[in-house]
Structures are given as C-alpha cells and as structure tokens.
Amino acid sequence: MFEFEEAKVPLHDLVEITPGPSGSLLDRLGDDPDGIPVVSPADITDRHQVNPRNLRRLPRKDAEKLRRYALREGDIVVVRQGALGRLAHIAHNQETWLYNSSCIRLRPDGLRVLPEYLTLYLMFPPVQELLLSRAVPGTVQSLNSEILGELPVVLLPSSRQRQLAEVAANIDELAQAHRSTLDHLEMLKISVVSNYLGTETGT
C-alpha cells in the first residue's frame, strides 16, 4: 500500500495551474493545416503522449489572442472532464500548441521538480486513485484547479528525480523496441499466411 505520510508539498507549490480557455473562444476549430493545433482529451493516449493524427486546429489569428494558453516543452496537460486521469507530457515539437476547456495545464517550476518526474508521479496508480477519489461528482466527474492544487506530492531530491526519470526513459525505449519487433512479427505472420494461401489456391 502506497503511503502519503511524507508527501508534504501540495502540487500548487510546484506548478502554475491554468485551466483551458472557454469553449466559446475555440468555436472556429477546423482542419486548416496552417492553424494551431488544440489538444483535447481524445488526443491524449494511454502512454501519456499527444496523438497528432486527429488534432483540430485554430486559425492563427484567433490563436494569437490565446497566447496565455500556449504550451511549452515540459508542460503537463491533465484532463479535467470526461476521461479523468489522462495526462500528457508536452514535447519540444508541440510548443505553441493550445489545449481546450476540458483540460488543465500544469507548468512545473523546474528549479523544484522535473517535469518528467512529475509526469511519472501523476501517472502512478495510487496517485491516480487518490486524485479520482477527490473528483467533483456529477453526471460527468470533473477536476478543478483547487482539487489538483491540493494534491500531495512526494518531492524527492533533484538527483533522485533525475535518476528515476532516466530509468523510466530507458524502460520506455526498451518497450518501444519490443512493440516494433511485435509489429514486425505480426506483419511477417500475415505475409507467411498469404504466401501459403497463394500457393494452395494458385494465385
């Protein structure tokens, strides 16, 4: 059982918390390839990344008015309505993107907490359970800035944070290599079946 006795630091002491803009400010979302991508809960994967395939975009002129919601590398986008518990760590190539009203942006204070460490902490199952237990009940459960801000965080020394982040990154790299191998083997199996069937049917 994970214990929180040593979790003395509330999240709001470690990050800047900014809820997404009102939906009315994003009413011109579309598929314009020159627009600025807007992250929604549906774009956040189980691997805590943003899937860029189906991102909708806001015209640049409209996005200029929402610069305070622009994302930076190291930000963490947390779903606050709907698929609670989903979160994504923002990469360098996603800077200047926006996020919608169903999300909250956490901007870590890099002098106190590494974004990679905080992402790992927030996705840790016992922490997720604690967070969800505090969600506002209703037809659709939700989180708000206050609930997120009061979440207790176990703040390891910087060296330990960095060590954990490096170990986790190595594991992710290994997992990706295995996934690639499995995909290749699956394609090989399909090719073998196709060859056998082709031989038998004379095609």
N, C-alpha and C. Protein backbone atom coordinates (compact mmCIF):
# COMPACT_ATOMS: atom_id res chain seq x y z
N MET A 1 0.86 -1.20 0.00
CA MET A 1 0.00 0.00 0.00
C MET A 1 0.88 1.24 0.00
N PHE A 2 0.63 2.13 -0.95
CA PHE A 2 1.42 3.36 -1.05
C PHE A 2 0.95 4.34 0.01
N GLU A 3 1.88 4.89 0.76
CA GLU A 3 1.55 5.82 1.82
C GLU A 3 1.97 7.24 1.44
N PHE A 4 1.21 8.21 1.94
CA PHE A 4 1.46 9.61 1.59
C PHE A 4 1.98 10.42 2.78
N GLU A 5 2.44 9.72 3.86
CA GLU A 5 2.86 10.45 5.04
C GLU A 5 3.96 11.48 4.73
N GLU A 6 4.86 11.13 3.80
CA GLU A 6 5.98 12.01 3.52
C GLU A 6 5.63 13.07 2.46
N ALA A 7 4.41 13.03 1.95
CA ALA A 7 4.01 13.96 0.89
C ALA A 7 3.62 15.28 1.52
N LYS A 8 4.59 16.13 1.73
CA LYS A 8 4.37 17.39 2.44
C LYS A 8 4.09 18.57 1.51
N VAL A 9 4.35 18.39 0.21
CA VAL A 9 4.27 19.53 -0.70
C VAL A 9 3.01 19.45 -1.56
N PRO A 10 2.12 20.44 -1.44
CA PRO A 10 0.94 20.45 -2.32
C PRO A 10 1.36 20.81 -3.75
N LEU A 11 0.66 20.28 -4.71
CA LEU A 11 1.01 20.48 -6.10
C LEU A 11 1.08 21.96 -6.48
N HIS A 12 0.20 22.78 -5.89
CA HIS A 12 0.19 24.20 -6.29
C HIS A 12 1.46 24.93 -5.89
N ASP A 13 2.29 24.33 -5.02
CA ASP A 13 3.57 24.95 -4.68
C ASP A 13 4.66 24.62 -5.71
N LEU A 14 4.36 23.68 -6.60
CA LEU A 14 5.36 23.20 -7.54
C LEU A 14 5.06 23.57 -8.99
N VAL A 15 3.84 23.97 -9.26
CA VAL A 15 3.44 24.23 -10.64
C VAL A 15 2.55 25.47 -10.73
N GLU A 16 2.47 25.99 -11.94
CA GLU A 16 1.47 27.00 -12.27
C GLU A 16 0.29 26.25 -12.90
N ILE A 17 -0.90 26.45 -12.38
CA ILE A 17 -2.07 25.71 -12.84
C ILE A 17 -2.98 26.64 -13.65
N THR A 18 -3.25 26.27 -14.90
CA THR A 18 -4.06 27.12 -15.78
C THR A 18 -5.11 26.29 -16.50
N PRO A 19 -6.39 26.45 -16.13
CA PRO A 19 -7.47 25.73 -16.85
C PRO A 19 -7.54 26.21 -18.29
N GLY A 20 -8.04 25.36 -19.18
CA GLY A 20 -8.16 25.71 -20.58
C GLY A 20 -9.13 26.85 -20.82
N PRO A 21 -9.04 27.49 -22.00
CA PRO A 21 -9.91 28.62 -22.32
C PRO A 21 -11.35 28.20 -22.50
N SER A 22 -12.26 29.14 -22.39
CA SER A 22 -13.67 28.88 -22.61
C SER A 22 -13.90 28.31 -24.01
N GLY A 23 -14.84 27.39 -24.09
CA GLY A 23 -15.14 26.77 -25.38
C GLY A 23 -15.54 27.78 -26.43
N SER A 24 -16.13 28.90 -26.02
CA SER A 24 -16.57 29.92 -26.98
C SER A 24 -15.39 30.56 -27.70
N LEU A 25 -14.20 30.49 -27.10
CA LEU A 25 -13.01 31.06 -27.73
C LEU A 25 -12.39 30.11 -28.75
N LEU A 26 -12.94 28.90 -28.81
CA LEU A 26 -12.40 27.89 -29.72
C LEU A 26 -13.45 27.45 -30.74
N ASP A 27 -14.45 28.30 -30.97
CA ASP A 27 -15.56 27.88 -31.82
C ASP A 27 -15.22 27.86 -33.31
N ARG A 28 -14.00 28.28 -33.67
CA ARG A 28 -13.59 28.25 -35.08
C ARG A 28 -12.59 27.13 -35.35
N LEU A 29 -12.61 26.11 -34.49
CA LEU A 29 -11.74 24.96 -34.71
C LEU A 29 -12.08 24.29 -36.04
N GLY A 30 -11.06 23.84 -36.74
CA GLY A 30 -11.29 23.17 -38.01
C GLY A 30 -10.10 22.34 -38.41
N ASP A 31 -9.97 22.08 -39.70
CA ASP A 31 -8.91 21.22 -40.22
C ASP A 31 -7.88 21.98 -41.04
N ASP A 32 -7.82 23.29 -40.89
CA ASP A 32 -6.86 24.10 -41.62
C ASP A 32 -5.44 23.68 -41.26
N PRO A 33 -4.66 23.17 -42.21
CA PRO A 33 -3.31 22.69 -41.88
C PRO A 33 -2.37 23.80 -41.39
N ASP A 34 -2.72 25.05 -41.66
CA ASP A 34 -1.88 26.17 -41.21
C ASP A 34 -2.29 26.68 -39.83
N GLY A 35 -3.35 26.12 -39.26
CA GLY A 35 -3.80 26.56 -37.95
C GLY A 35 -2.95 26.00 -36.82
N ILE A 36 -3.24 26.46 -35.60
CA ILE A 36 -2.51 26.00 -34.41
C ILE A 36 -3.26 24.81 -33.79
N PRO A 37 -2.59 23.67 -33.60
CA PRO A 37 -3.26 22.50 -33.01
C PRO A 37 -3.78 22.79 -31.60
N VAL A 38 -4.95 22.21 -31.29
CA VAL A 38 -5.56 22.34 -29.97
C VAL A 38 -5.75 20.94 -29.39
N VAL A 39 -5.12 20.67 -28.25
CA VAL A 39 -5.18 19.35 -27.63
C VAL A 39 -6.49 19.18 -26.88
N SER A 40 -7.16 18.07 -27.12
CA SER A 40 -8.39 17.71 -26.41
C SER A 40 -8.16 16.38 -25.70
N PRO A 41 -9.04 15.98 -24.78
CA PRO A 41 -8.86 14.69 -24.09
C PRO A 41 -8.71 13.51 -25.04
N ALA A 42 -9.44 13.54 -26.17
CA ALA A 42 -9.38 12.44 -27.12
C ALA A 42 -8.01 12.30 -27.77
N ASP A 43 -7.21 13.35 -27.71
CA ASP A 43 -5.89 13.32 -28.34
C ASP A 43 -4.80 12.79 -27.42
N ILE A 44 -5.14 12.55 -26.16
CA ILE A 44 -4.15 12.09 -25.18
C ILE A 44 -4.20 10.57 -25.08
N THR A 45 -3.06 9.93 -25.28
CA THR A 45 -3.01 8.47 -25.34
C THR A 45 -2.76 7.86 -23.96
N ASP A 46 -2.89 6.53 -23.91
CA ASP A 46 -2.62 5.81 -22.67
C ASP A 46 -1.14 5.84 -22.31
N ARG A 47 -0.31 6.25 -23.25
CA ARG A 47 1.14 6.34 -22.99
C ARG A 47 1.54 7.74 -22.59
N HIS A 48 0.55 8.57 -22.28
CA HIS A 48 0.79 9.92 -21.75
C HIS A 48 1.50 10.82 -22.77
N GLN A 49 1.05 10.67 -24.00
CA GLN A 49 1.55 11.50 -25.09
C GLN A 49 0.36 12.07 -25.85
N VAL A 50 0.63 13.06 -26.70
CA VAL A 50 -0.41 13.62 -27.56
C VAL A 50 -0.33 12.95 -28.93
N ASN A 51 -1.43 12.36 -29.35
CA ASN A 51 -1.51 11.76 -30.68
C ASN A 51 -1.88 12.87 -31.67
N PRO A 52 -1.00 13.20 -32.62
CA PRO A 52 -1.25 14.34 -33.50
C PRO A 52 -2.18 14.05 -34.68
N ARG A 53 -2.61 12.81 -34.84
CA ARG A 53 -3.33 12.43 -36.05
C ARG A 53 -4.62 13.20 -36.28
N ASN A 54 -5.42 13.34 -35.24
CA ASN A 54 -6.75 13.93 -35.42
C ASN A 54 -6.91 15.29 -34.75
N LEU A 55 -5.81 15.94 -34.47
CA LEU A 55 -5.87 17.25 -33.82
C LEU A 55 -6.63 18.25 -34.68
N ARG A 56 -7.53 18.98 -34.05
CA ARG A 56 -8.19 20.08 -34.73
C ARG A 56 -7.37 21.35 -34.51
N ARG A 57 -7.56 22.33 -35.39
CA ARG A 57 -6.69 23.50 -35.37
C ARG A 57 -7.49 24.79 -35.34
N LEU A 58 -6.88 25.78 -34.73
CA LEU A 58 -7.49 27.10 -34.62
C LEU A 58 -6.75 28.05 -35.56
N PRO A 59 -7.48 28.89 -36.31
CA PRO A 59 -6.80 29.86 -37.17
C PRO A 59 -5.78 30.67 -36.37
N ARG A 60 -4.64 30.95 -36.99
CA ARG A 60 -3.56 31.64 -36.29
C ARG A 60 -4.00 32.99 -35.71
N LYS A 61 -4.86 33.67 -36.43
CA LYS A 61 -5.33 34.97 -35.95
C LYS A 61 -6.07 34.82 -34.62
N ASP A 62 -6.89 33.78 -34.50
CA ASP A 62 -7.61 33.53 -33.25
C ASP A 62 -6.65 33.04 -32.16
N ALA A 63 -5.68 32.21 -32.56
CA ALA A 63 -4.73 31.66 -31.58
C ALA A 63 -3.88 32.75 -30.95
N GLU A 64 -3.60 33.82 -31.69
CA GLU A 64 -2.80 34.93 -31.16
C GLU A 64 -3.44 35.52 -29.91
N LYS A 65 -4.77 35.49 -29.85
CA LYS A 65 -5.48 36.06 -28.70
C LYS A 65 -5.42 35.13 -27.48
N LEU A 66 -4.95 33.91 -27.69
CA LEU A 66 -4.94 32.92 -26.61
C LEU A 66 -3.50 32.53 -26.22
N ARG A 67 -2.58 33.48 -26.37
CA ARG A 67 -1.18 33.17 -26.12
C ARG A 67 -0.91 32.71 -24.69
N ARG A 68 -1.74 33.13 -23.74
CA ARG A 68 -1.50 32.70 -22.35
C ARG A 68 -1.77 31.21 -22.15
N TYR A 69 -2.43 30.60 -23.13
CA TYR A 69 -2.71 29.16 -23.06
C TYR A 69 -1.75 28.35 -23.94
N ALA A 70 -0.76 29.01 -24.53
CA ALA A 70 0.19 28.30 -25.39
C ALA A 70 1.04 27.34 -24.54
N LEU A 71 1.28 26.18 -25.08
CA LEU A 71 2.04 25.16 -24.37
C LEU A 71 3.54 25.33 -24.60
N ARG A 72 4.31 24.86 -23.60
CA ARG A 72 5.77 24.84 -23.69
C ARG A 72 6.25 23.42 -23.43
N GLU A 73 7.46 23.15 -23.89
CA GLU A 73 8.07 21.86 -23.59
C GLU A 73 8.15 21.68 -22.07
N GLY A 74 7.73 20.50 -21.60
CA GLY A 74 7.76 20.23 -20.16
C GLY A 74 6.44 20.47 -19.47
N ASP A 75 5.51 21.17 -20.13
CA ASP A 75 4.17 21.32 -19.56
C ASP A 75 3.49 19.96 -19.47
N ILE A 76 2.54 19.87 -18.57
CA ILE A 76 1.74 18.65 -18.44
C ILE A 76 0.27 19.04 -18.62
N VAL A 77 -0.40 18.39 -19.57
CA VAL A 77 -1.81 18.65 -19.82
C VAL A 77 -2.61 17.54 -19.15
N VAL A 78 -3.51 17.92 -18.25
CA VAL A 78 -4.32 16.97 -17.49
C VAL A 78 -5.78 17.11 -17.89
N VAL A 79 -6.44 15.99 -18.14
CA VAL A 79 -7.87 16.02 -18.46
C VAL A 79 -8.65 16.33 -17.19
N ARG A 80 -9.54 17.29 -17.25
CA ARG A 80 -10.32 17.64 -16.06
C ARG A 80 -11.79 17.30 -16.18
N GLN A 81 -12.24 16.91 -17.36
CA GLN A 81 -13.63 16.50 -17.56
C GLN A 81 -13.64 15.30 -18.50
N GLY A 82 -14.42 14.30 -18.14
CA GLY A 82 -14.52 13.13 -19.01
C GLY A 82 -13.54 12.04 -18.61
N ALA A 83 -12.53 11.82 -19.43
CA ALA A 83 -11.56 10.74 -19.19
C ALA A 83 -10.55 11.16 -18.13
N LEU A 84 -11.02 11.29 -16.90
CA LEU A 84 -10.15 11.75 -15.81
C LEU A 84 -8.97 10.81 -15.62
N GLY A 85 -7.85 11.38 -15.29
CA GLY A 85 -6.65 10.59 -15.08
C GLY A 85 -5.71 10.62 -16.28
N ARG A 86 -6.23 10.94 -17.44
CA ARG A 86 -5.36 11.04 -18.61
C ARG A 86 -4.50 12.31 -18.51
N LEU A 87 -3.27 12.18 -18.93
CA LEU A 87 -2.38 13.33 -18.92
C LEU A 87 -1.31 13.14 -19.98
N ALA A 88 -0.73 14.24 -20.42
CA ALA A 88 0.31 14.16 -21.46
C ALA A 88 1.44 15.11 -21.12
N HIS A 89 2.65 14.63 -21.33
CA HIS A 89 3.85 15.45 -21.18
C HIS A 89 4.15 16.08 -22.52
N ILE A 90 4.26 17.40 -22.57
CA ILE A 90 4.41 18.12 -23.83
C ILE A 90 5.87 18.11 -24.30
N ALA A 91 6.06 17.73 -25.56
CA ALA A 91 7.38 17.63 -26.16
C ALA A 91 7.77 18.94 -26.84
N HIS A 92 9.04 19.02 -27.24
CA HIS A 92 9.56 20.25 -27.85
C HIS A 92 8.79 20.63 -29.11
N ASN A 93 8.44 19.63 -29.94
CA ASN A 93 7.76 19.93 -31.21
C ASN A 93 6.28 20.28 -31.03
N GLN A 94 5.82 20.31 -29.79
CA GLN A 94 4.42 20.66 -29.52
C GLN A 94 4.29 22.04 -28.88
N GLU A 95 5.40 22.76 -28.79
CA GLU A 95 5.36 24.11 -28.23
C GLU A 95 4.49 25.01 -29.10
N THR A 96 3.80 25.94 -28.47
CA THR A 96 2.86 26.92 -29.06
C THR A 96 1.49 26.31 -29.32
N TRP A 97 1.34 24.98 -29.18
CA TRP A 97 0.01 24.39 -29.31
C TRP A 97 -0.87 24.89 -28.16
N LEU A 98 -2.17 24.73 -28.31
CA LEU A 98 -3.13 25.12 -27.29
C LEU A 98 -3.82 23.88 -26.72
N TYR A 99 -4.68 24.06 -25.74
CA TYR A 99 -5.44 22.96 -25.16
C TYR A 99 -6.85 23.47 -24.88
N ASN A 100 -7.83 22.56 -24.88
CA ASN A 100 -9.21 23.03 -24.79
C ASN A 100 -9.73 23.10 -23.36
N SER A 101 -10.99 23.46 -23.25
CA SER A 101 -11.58 23.75 -21.94
C SER A 101 -11.73 22.51 -21.04
N SER A 102 -11.58 21.32 -21.61
CA SER A 102 -11.69 20.09 -20.81
C SER A 102 -10.35 19.68 -20.22
N CYS A 103 -9.36 20.54 -20.36
CA CYS A 103 -8.01 20.23 -19.87
C CYS A 103 -7.49 21.35 -18.97
N ILE A 104 -6.50 20.99 -18.18
CA ILE A 104 -5.79 21.95 -17.33
C ILE A 104 -4.29 21.81 -17.63
N ARG A 105 -3.61 22.94 -17.69
CA ARG A 105 -2.16 22.90 -17.91
C ARG A 105 -1.43 23.05 -16.59
N LEU A 106 -0.47 22.17 -16.37
CA LEU A 106 0.45 22.28 -15.24
C LEU A 106 1.80 22.68 -15.79
N ARG A 107 2.35 23.79 -15.29
CA ARG A 107 3.68 24.24 -15.74
C ARG A 107 4.63 24.13 -14.55
N PRO A 108 5.44 23.06 -14.50
CA PRO A 108 6.30 22.82 -13.34
C PRO A 108 7.37 23.90 -13.15
N ASP A 109 7.66 24.17 -11.89
CA ASP A 109 8.80 25.02 -11.52
C ASP A 109 10.04 24.14 -11.63
N GLY A 110 10.79 24.29 -12.73
CA GLY A 110 11.92 23.42 -13.00
C GLY A 110 13.00 23.44 -11.94
N LEU A 111 13.03 24.46 -11.10
CA LEU A 111 14.04 24.51 -10.03
C LEU A 111 13.68 23.59 -8.87
N ARG A 112 12.42 23.17 -8.81
CA ARG A 112 11.97 22.34 -7.69
C ARG A 112 11.58 20.93 -8.12
N VAL A 113 11.00 20.81 -9.31
CA VAL A 113 10.53 19.50 -9.73
C VAL A 113 10.74 19.33 -11.23
N LEU A 114 11.31 18.19 -11.61
CA LEU A 114 11.49 17.89 -13.02
C LEU A 114 10.14 17.53 -13.65
N PRO A 115 9.83 18.08 -14.82
CA PRO A 115 8.56 17.72 -15.47
C PRO A 115 8.42 16.21 -15.68
N GLU A 116 9.54 15.55 -16.03
CA GLU A 116 9.48 14.10 -16.27
C GLU A 116 9.14 13.35 -14.99
N TYR A 117 9.70 13.82 -13.87
CA TYR A 117 9.39 13.18 -12.59
C TYR A 117 7.93 13.41 -12.22
N LEU A 118 7.45 14.64 -12.38
CA LEU A 118 6.07 14.94 -12.01
C LEU A 118 5.09 14.15 -12.87
N THR A 119 5.41 13.98 -14.15
CA THR A 119 4.56 13.16 -15.02
C THR A 119 4.48 11.73 -14.50
N LEU A 120 5.64 11.16 -14.16
CA LEU A 120 5.67 9.80 -13.62
C LEU A 120 4.88 9.71 -12.32
N TYR A 121 5.02 10.73 -11.48
CA TYR A 121 4.31 10.74 -10.20
C TYR A 121 2.80 10.77 -10.41
N LEU A 122 2.34 11.64 -11.30
CA LEU A 122 0.90 11.80 -11.52
C LEU A 122 0.27 10.58 -12.19
N MET A 123 1.06 9.80 -12.94
CA MET A 123 0.52 8.62 -13.60
C MET A 123 0.65 7.37 -12.73
N PHE A 124 1.29 7.49 -11.57
CA PHE A 124 1.45 6.37 -10.64
C PHE A 124 0.06 5.95 -10.15
N PRO A 125 -0.34 4.68 -10.30
CA PRO A 125 -1.71 4.26 -9.99
C PRO A 125 -2.25 4.71 -8.63
N PRO A 126 -1.51 4.60 -7.51
CA PRO A 126 -2.07 5.07 -6.25
C PRO A 126 -2.35 6.57 -6.25
N VAL A 127 -1.54 7.35 -6.97
CA VAL A 127 -1.77 8.80 -7.06
C VAL A 127 -3.00 9.07 -7.90
N GLN A 128 -3.15 8.31 -8.98
CA GLN A 128 -4.34 8.44 -9.82
C GLN A 128 -5.61 8.12 -9.01
N GLU A 129 -5.54 7.08 -8.20
CA GLU A 129 -6.70 6.71 -7.38
C GLU A 129 -7.04 7.82 -6.40
N LEU A 130 -6.02 8.40 -5.78
CA LEU A 130 -6.25 9.49 -4.85
C LEU A 130 -6.88 10.69 -5.55
N LEU A 131 -6.37 11.01 -6.72
CA LEU A 131 -6.89 12.14 -7.47
C LEU A 131 -8.35 11.92 -7.87
N LEU A 132 -8.64 10.74 -8.38
CA LEU A 132 -10.01 10.44 -8.81
C LEU A 132 -10.98 10.41 -7.63
N SER A 133 -10.48 10.01 -6.47
CA SER A 133 -11.35 9.97 -5.28
C SER A 133 -11.76 11.37 -4.85
N ARG A 134 -11.02 12.38 -5.31
CA ARG A 134 -11.33 13.76 -4.94
C ARG A 134 -12.13 14.50 -6.02
N ALA A 135 -12.42 13.81 -7.12
CA ALA A 135 -13.13 14.46 -8.23
C ALA A 135 -14.52 14.91 -7.80
N VAL A 136 -14.98 16.00 -8.42
CA VAL A 136 -16.32 16.52 -8.15
C VAL A 136 -17.33 15.57 -8.77
N PRO A 137 -18.28 15.02 -7.97
CA PRO A 137 -19.26 14.09 -8.53
C PRO A 137 -20.26 14.80 -9.43
N GLY A 138 -20.93 14.02 -10.27
CA GLY A 138 -21.93 14.58 -11.17
C GLY A 138 -22.15 13.65 -12.33
N THR A 139 -22.97 14.07 -13.27
CA THR A 139 -23.19 13.26 -14.47
C THR A 139 -21.86 12.96 -15.14
N VAL A 140 -21.00 13.96 -15.18
CA VAL A 140 -19.63 13.79 -15.65
C VAL A 140 -18.69 14.27 -14.54
N GLN A 141 -17.91 13.35 -13.99
CA GLN A 141 -16.98 13.75 -12.93
C GLN A 141 -15.97 14.76 -13.47
N SER A 142 -15.51 15.62 -12.59
CA SER A 142 -14.57 16.65 -13.04
C SER A 142 -13.56 16.99 -11.95
N LEU A 143 -12.47 17.58 -12.40
CA LEU A 143 -11.45 18.11 -11.51
C LEU A 143 -11.37 19.61 -11.72
N ASN A 144 -10.91 20.32 -10.72
CA ASN A 144 -10.70 21.76 -10.88
C ASN A 144 -9.33 22.12 -10.34
N SER A 145 -8.98 23.38 -10.49
CA SER A 145 -7.65 23.84 -10.09
C SER A 145 -7.39 23.62 -8.60
N GLU A 146 -8.42 23.83 -7.80
CA GLU A 146 -8.25 23.69 -6.34
C GLU A 146 -7.96 22.24 -5.97
N ILE A 147 -8.73 21.31 -6.55
CA ILE A 147 -8.53 19.90 -6.25
C ILE A 147 -7.13 19.46 -6.67
N LEU A 148 -6.75 19.83 -7.88
CA LEU A 148 -5.41 19.48 -8.36
C LEU A 148 -4.33 20.12 -7.50
N GLY A 149 -4.54 21.37 -7.17
CA GLY A 149 -3.53 22.11 -6.41
C GLY A 149 -3.26 21.54 -5.03
N GLU A 150 -4.28 20.92 -4.43
CA GLU A 150 -4.11 20.36 -3.08
C GLU A 150 -3.56 18.94 -3.09
N LEU A 151 -3.34 18.38 -4.27
CA LEU A 151 -2.81 17.02 -4.34
C LEU A 151 -1.42 16.97 -3.70
N PRO A 152 -1.20 16.06 -2.74
CA PRO A 152 0.12 15.98 -2.11
C PRO A 152 1.13 15.33 -3.03
N VAL A 153 2.34 15.89 -3.06
CA VAL A 153 3.39 15.38 -3.93
C VAL A 153 4.60 14.97 -3.10
N VAL A 154 5.07 13.76 -3.31
CA VAL A 154 6.31 13.31 -2.69
C VAL A 154 7.45 13.92 -3.48
N LEU A 155 8.15 14.87 -2.90
CA LEU A 155 9.19 15.60 -3.60
C LEU A 155 10.56 15.01 -3.28
N LEU A 156 11.04 14.14 -4.17
CA LEU A 156 12.36 13.55 -3.99
C LEU A 156 13.45 14.60 -4.25
N PRO A 157 14.65 14.38 -3.74
CA PRO A 157 15.77 15.26 -4.09
C PRO A 157 15.97 15.27 -5.61
N SER A 158 16.50 16.37 -6.13
CA SER A 158 16.64 16.53 -7.58
C SER A 158 17.40 15.37 -8.22
N SER A 159 18.45 14.91 -7.55
CA SER A 159 19.25 13.82 -8.12
C SER A 159 18.42 12.55 -8.25
N ARG A 160 17.56 12.31 -7.28
CA ARG A 160 16.71 11.11 -7.32
C ARG A 160 15.61 11.27 -8.37
N GLN A 161 15.09 12.47 -8.50
CA GLN A 161 14.11 12.72 -9.55
C GLN A 161 14.71 12.42 -10.92
N ARG A 162 15.92 12.93 -11.15
CA ARG A 162 16.59 12.75 -12.44
C ARG A 162 16.90 11.27 -12.68
N GLN A 163 17.33 10.58 -11.64
CA GLN A 163 17.64 9.16 -11.76
C GLN A 163 16.40 8.36 -12.14
N LEU A 164 15.29 8.64 -11.47
CA LEU A 164 14.05 7.94 -11.78
C LEU A 164 13.59 8.22 -13.21
N ALA A 165 13.69 9.48 -13.63
CA ALA A 165 13.28 9.85 -14.98
C ALA A 165 14.12 9.12 -16.02
N GLU A 166 15.43 8.99 -15.77
CA GLU A 166 16.31 8.32 -16.72
C GLU A 166 16.00 6.82 -16.79
N VAL A 167 15.75 6.20 -15.64
CA VAL A 167 15.41 4.77 -15.63
C VAL A 167 14.11 4.54 -16.39
N ALA A 168 13.10 5.38 -16.13
CA ALA A 168 11.81 5.23 -16.80
C ALA A 168 11.95 5.42 -18.30
N ALA A 169 12.79 6.39 -18.73
CA ALA A 169 13.00 6.64 -20.16
C ALA A 169 13.65 5.43 -20.82
N ASN A 170 14.59 4.78 -20.12
CA ASN A 170 15.23 3.58 -20.66
C ASN A 170 14.22 2.44 -20.81
N ILE A 171 13.33 2.32 -19.84
CA ILE A 171 12.30 1.29 -19.92
C ILE A 171 11.35 1.55 -21.08
N ASP A 172 10.98 2.84 -21.26
CA ASP A 172 10.10 3.21 -22.38
C ASP A 172 10.76 2.87 -23.72
N GLU A 173 12.07 3.14 -23.81
CA GLU A 173 12.80 2.86 -25.05
C GLU A 173 12.82 1.36 -25.33
N LEU A 174 13.01 0.57 -24.29
CA LEU A 174 13.02 -0.88 -24.43
C LEU A 174 11.64 -1.39 -24.84
N ALA A 175 10.59 -0.81 -24.21
CA ALA A 175 9.22 -1.22 -24.54
C ALA A 175 8.89 -0.90 -25.99
N GLN A 176 9.35 0.28 -26.47
CA GLN A 176 9.11 0.67 -27.85
C GLN A 176 9.80 -0.30 -28.81
N ALA A 177 11.01 -0.72 -28.47
CA ALA A 177 11.73 -1.67 -29.30
C ALA A 177 10.98 -2.99 -29.39
N HIS A 178 10.41 -3.44 -28.26
CA HIS A 178 9.65 -4.68 -28.25
C HIS A 178 8.37 -4.53 -29.06
N ARG A 179 7.72 -3.36 -28.95
CA ARG A 179 6.49 -3.14 -29.73
C ARG A 179 6.79 -3.18 -31.22
N SER A 180 7.92 -2.58 -31.61
CA SER A 180 8.30 -2.58 -33.02
C SER A 180 8.57 -4.00 -33.50
N THR A 181 9.23 -4.80 -32.65
CA THR A 181 9.51 -6.19 -33.00
C THR A 181 8.21 -6.98 -33.15
N LEU A 182 7.27 -6.77 -32.23
CA LEU A 182 5.99 -7.47 -32.31
C LEU A 182 5.22 -7.09 -33.57
N ASP A 183 5.26 -5.78 -33.91
CA ASP A 183 4.58 -5.34 -35.13
C ASP A 183 5.21 -6.00 -36.36
N HIS A 184 6.53 -6.09 -36.37
CA HIS A 184 7.23 -6.71 -37.50
C HIS A 184 6.87 -8.19 -37.61
N LEU A 185 6.84 -8.88 -36.47
CA LEU A 185 6.50 -10.30 -36.47
C LEU A 185 5.06 -10.53 -36.91
N GLU A 186 4.16 -9.63 -36.52
CA GLU A 186 2.76 -9.76 -36.94
C GLU A 186 2.65 -9.61 -38.45
N MET A 187 3.38 -8.65 -39.02
CA MET A 187 3.38 -8.47 -40.47
C MET A 187 3.99 -9.68 -41.17
N LEU A 188 5.04 -10.24 -40.56
CA LEU A 188 5.68 -11.43 -41.13
C LEU A 188 4.70 -12.60 -41.14
N LYS A 189 3.94 -12.75 -40.06
CA LYS A 189 2.97 -13.84 -39.99
C LYS A 189 1.91 -13.71 -41.08
N ILE A 190 1.43 -12.48 -41.28
CA ILE A 190 0.43 -12.25 -42.32
C ILE A 190 1.01 -12.57 -43.69
N SER A 191 2.28 -12.19 -43.91
CA SER A 191 2.93 -12.47 -45.18
C SER A 191 3.07 -13.97 -45.40
N VAL A 192 3.43 -14.71 -44.34
CA VAL A 192 3.58 -16.16 -44.46
C VAL A 192 2.23 -16.80 -44.78
N VAL A 193 1.18 -16.39 -44.08
CA VAL A 193 -0.16 -16.93 -44.34
C VAL A 193 -0.56 -16.63 -45.78
N SER A 194 -0.30 -15.41 -46.24
CA SER A 194 -0.64 -15.02 -47.60
C SER A 194 0.08 -15.88 -48.62
N ASN A 195 1.38 -16.13 -48.36
CA ASN A 195 2.16 -16.96 -49.28
C ASN A 195 1.64 -18.38 -49.34
N TYR A 196 1.31 -18.95 -48.18
CA TYR A 196 0.80 -20.31 -48.14
C TYR A 196 -0.54 -20.40 -48.87
N LEU A 197 -1.43 -19.48 -48.58
CA LEU A 197 -2.75 -19.49 -49.23
C LEU A 197 -2.63 -19.26 -50.73
N GLY A 198 -1.69 -18.37 -51.11
CA GLY A 198 -1.47 -18.13 -52.53
C GLY A 198 -0.96 -19.36 -53.25
N THR A 199 -0.09 -20.10 -52.57
CA THR A 199 0.44 -21.33 -53.16
C THR A 199 -0.65 -22.37 -53.35
N GLU A 200 -1.51 -22.49 -52.32
CA GLU A 200 -2.56 -23.51 -52.35
C GLU A 200 -3.64 -23.19 -53.38
N THR A 201 -3.91 -21.90 -53.57
CA THR A 201 -5.01 -21.51 -54.48
C THR A 201 -4.50 -21.20 -55.89
N GLY A 202 -3.17 -21.21 -56.05
CA GLY A 202 -2.60 -20.96 -57.37
C GLY A 202 -2.62 -19.51 -57.78
N THR A 203 -2.77 -18.57 -56.82
CA THR A 203 -2.78 -17.14 -57.15
C THR A 203 -1.40 -16.53 -57.00
